[in-house]
Amino acid sequence: MKHLAKRFGQKLKDKRKALGVSQDKLALLATIDRSYVGRIERGEVNVTLEKAYELAEALGCDIREILP
């Protein structure tokens, strides 16, 4: 499971950077704490499906673009 969290975090980070969005901006758009975004990107936490969809929406992308 930890492997999936790391893969999800890396894909989220790659997509965020490709769009030129900072962690702060993503956190604001997804209404979560910036430190939580960092922990997600490092694969330290398991994200709920609901939160994954919120992150995808905040980035303006399809959920499939950030799922491992």
C-alpha atoms as a PDB file:
ATOM      1  CA  MET A   1       0.000   0.000   0.000  1.00  0.00           C
ATOM      2  CA  LYS A   2       2.851   2.376   0.800  1.00  0.00           C
ATOM      3  CA  HIS A   3       4.127   1.874  -2.742  1.00  0.00           C
ATOM      4  CA  LEU A   4       0.809   3.104  -4.156  1.00  0.00           C
ATOM      5  CA  ALA A   5       0.873   6.173  -1.932  1.00  0.00           C
ATOM      6  CA  LYS A   6       4.358   7.042  -3.203  1.00  0.00           C
ATOM      7  CA  ARG A   7       3.342   6.537  -6.837  1.00  0.00           C
ATOM      8  CA  PHE A   8       0.214   8.653  -6.371  1.00  0.00           C
ATOM      9  CA  GLY A   9       2.242  11.375  -4.669  1.00  0.00           C
ATOM     10  CA  GLN A  10       4.815  11.436  -7.448  1.00  0.00           C
ATOM     11  CA  LYS A  11       2.153  11.626 -10.162  1.00  0.00           C
ATOM     12  CA  LEU A  12       0.399  14.422  -8.279  1.00  0.00           C
ATOM     13  CA  LYS A  13       3.664  16.321  -7.923  1.00  0.00           C
ATOM     14  CA  ASP A  14       4.555  15.832 -11.592  1.00  0.00           C
ATOM     15  CA  LYS A  15       1.136  17.082 -12.718  1.00  0.00           C
ATOM     16  CA  ARG A  16       1.226  20.031 -10.317  1.00  0.00           C
ATOM     17  CA  LYS A  17       4.666  21.095 -11.531  1.00  0.00           C
ATOM     18  CA  ALA A  18       3.737  20.606 -15.200  1.00  0.00           C
ATOM     19  CA  LEU A  19       0.872  23.042 -14.649  1.00  0.00           C
ATOM     20  CA  GLY A  20       3.105  25.499 -12.790  1.00  0.00           C
ATOM     21  CA  VAL A  21       1.067  25.258  -9.589  1.00  0.00           C
ATOM     22  CA  SER A  22       2.787  25.647  -6.223  1.00  0.00           C
ATOM     23  CA  GLN A  23       1.990  23.450  -3.241  1.00  0.00           C
ATOM     24  CA  ASP A  24       0.525  26.508  -1.555  1.00  0.00           C
ATOM     25  CA  LYS A  25      -1.797  27.205  -4.484  1.00  0.00           C
ATOM     26  CA  LEU A  26      -2.878  23.557  -4.734  1.00  0.00           C
ATOM     27  CA  ALA A  27      -3.586  23.479  -1.012  1.00  0.00           C
ATOM     28  CA  LEU A  28      -5.682  26.624  -1.319  1.00  0.00           C
ATOM     29  CA  LEU A  29      -7.628  25.287  -4.309  1.00  0.00           C
ATOM     30  CA  ALA A  30      -8.230  21.903  -2.645  1.00  0.00           C
ATOM     31  CA  THR A  31      -8.946  23.476   0.766  1.00  0.00           C
ATOM     32  CA  ILE A  32      -6.300  21.435   2.570  1.00  0.00           C
ATOM     33  CA  ASP A  33      -3.182  22.366   4.521  1.00  0.00           C
ATOM     34  CA  ARG A  34      -0.007  22.932   2.498  1.00  0.00           C
ATOM     35  CA  SER A  35       1.955  20.585   4.743  1.00  0.00           C
ATOM     36  CA  TYR A  36      -0.594  17.860   3.955  1.00  0.00           C
ATOM     37  CA  VAL A  37       0.037  18.366   0.217  1.00  0.00           C
ATOM     38  CA  GLY A  38       3.735  17.826   0.894  1.00  0.00           C
ATOM     39  CA  ARG A  39       3.053  14.655   2.858  1.00  0.00           C
ATOM     40  CA  ILE A  40       0.823  13.366   0.046  1.00  0.00           C
ATOM     41  CA  GLU A  41       3.508  14.064  -2.541  1.00  0.00           C
ATOM     42  CA  ARG A  42       6.121  12.244  -0.444  1.00  0.00           C
ATOM     43  CA  GLY A  43       3.803   9.244  -0.090  1.00  0.00           C
ATOM     44  CA  GLU A  44       3.609   9.559   3.682  1.00  0.00           C
ATOM     45  CA  VAL A  45      -0.191   9.433   3.857  1.00  0.00           C
ATOM     46  CA  ASN A  46      -2.944   7.433   2.217  1.00  0.00           C
ATOM     47  CA  VAL A  47      -5.384   9.742   0.495  1.00  0.00           C
ATOM     48  CA  THR A  48      -9.094   9.010   0.415  1.00  0.00           C
ATOM     49  CA  LEU A  49     -10.715   8.615  -2.962  1.00  0.00           C
ATOM     50  CA  GLU A  50     -12.734  11.743  -2.252  1.00  0.00           C
ATOM     51  CA  LYS A  51      -9.555  13.764  -1.591  1.00  0.00           C
ATOM     52  CA  ALA A  52      -7.929  12.383  -4.756  1.00  0.00           C
ATOM     53  CA  TYR A  53     -10.892  13.628  -6.793  1.00  0.00           C
ATOM     54  CA  GLU A  54     -10.706  17.026  -5.070  1.00  0.00           C
ATOM     55  CA  LEU A  55      -7.010  17.296  -5.912  1.00  0.00           C
ATOM     56  CA  ALA A  56      -7.662  16.383  -9.543  1.00  0.00           C
ATOM     57  CA  GLU A  57     -10.436  18.970  -9.713  1.00  0.00           C
ATOM     58  CA  ALA A  58      -8.174  21.596  -8.146  1.00  0.00           C
ATOM     59  CA  LEU A  59      -5.597  20.875 -10.866  1.00  0.00           C
ATOM     60  CA  GLY A  60      -8.273  20.878 -13.567  1.00  0.00           C
ATOM     61  CA  CYS A  61      -7.407  17.365 -14.704  1.00  0.00           C
ATOM     62  CA  ASP A  62      -9.071  13.989 -14.971  1.00  0.00           C
ATOM     63  CA  ILE A  63      -8.522  11.718 -11.951  1.00  0.00           C
ATOM     64  CA  ARG A  64      -6.902   9.150 -14.255  1.00  0.00           C
ATOM     65  CA  GLU A  65      -4.008  11.550 -14.858  1.00  0.00           C
ATOM     66  CA  ILE A  66      -2.885  11.334 -11.232  1.00  0.00           C
ATOM     67  CA  LEU A  67      -3.893   7.825 -10.203  1.00  0.00           C
ATOM     68  CA  PRO A  68      -1.053   5.287 -10.198  1.00  0.00           C
END
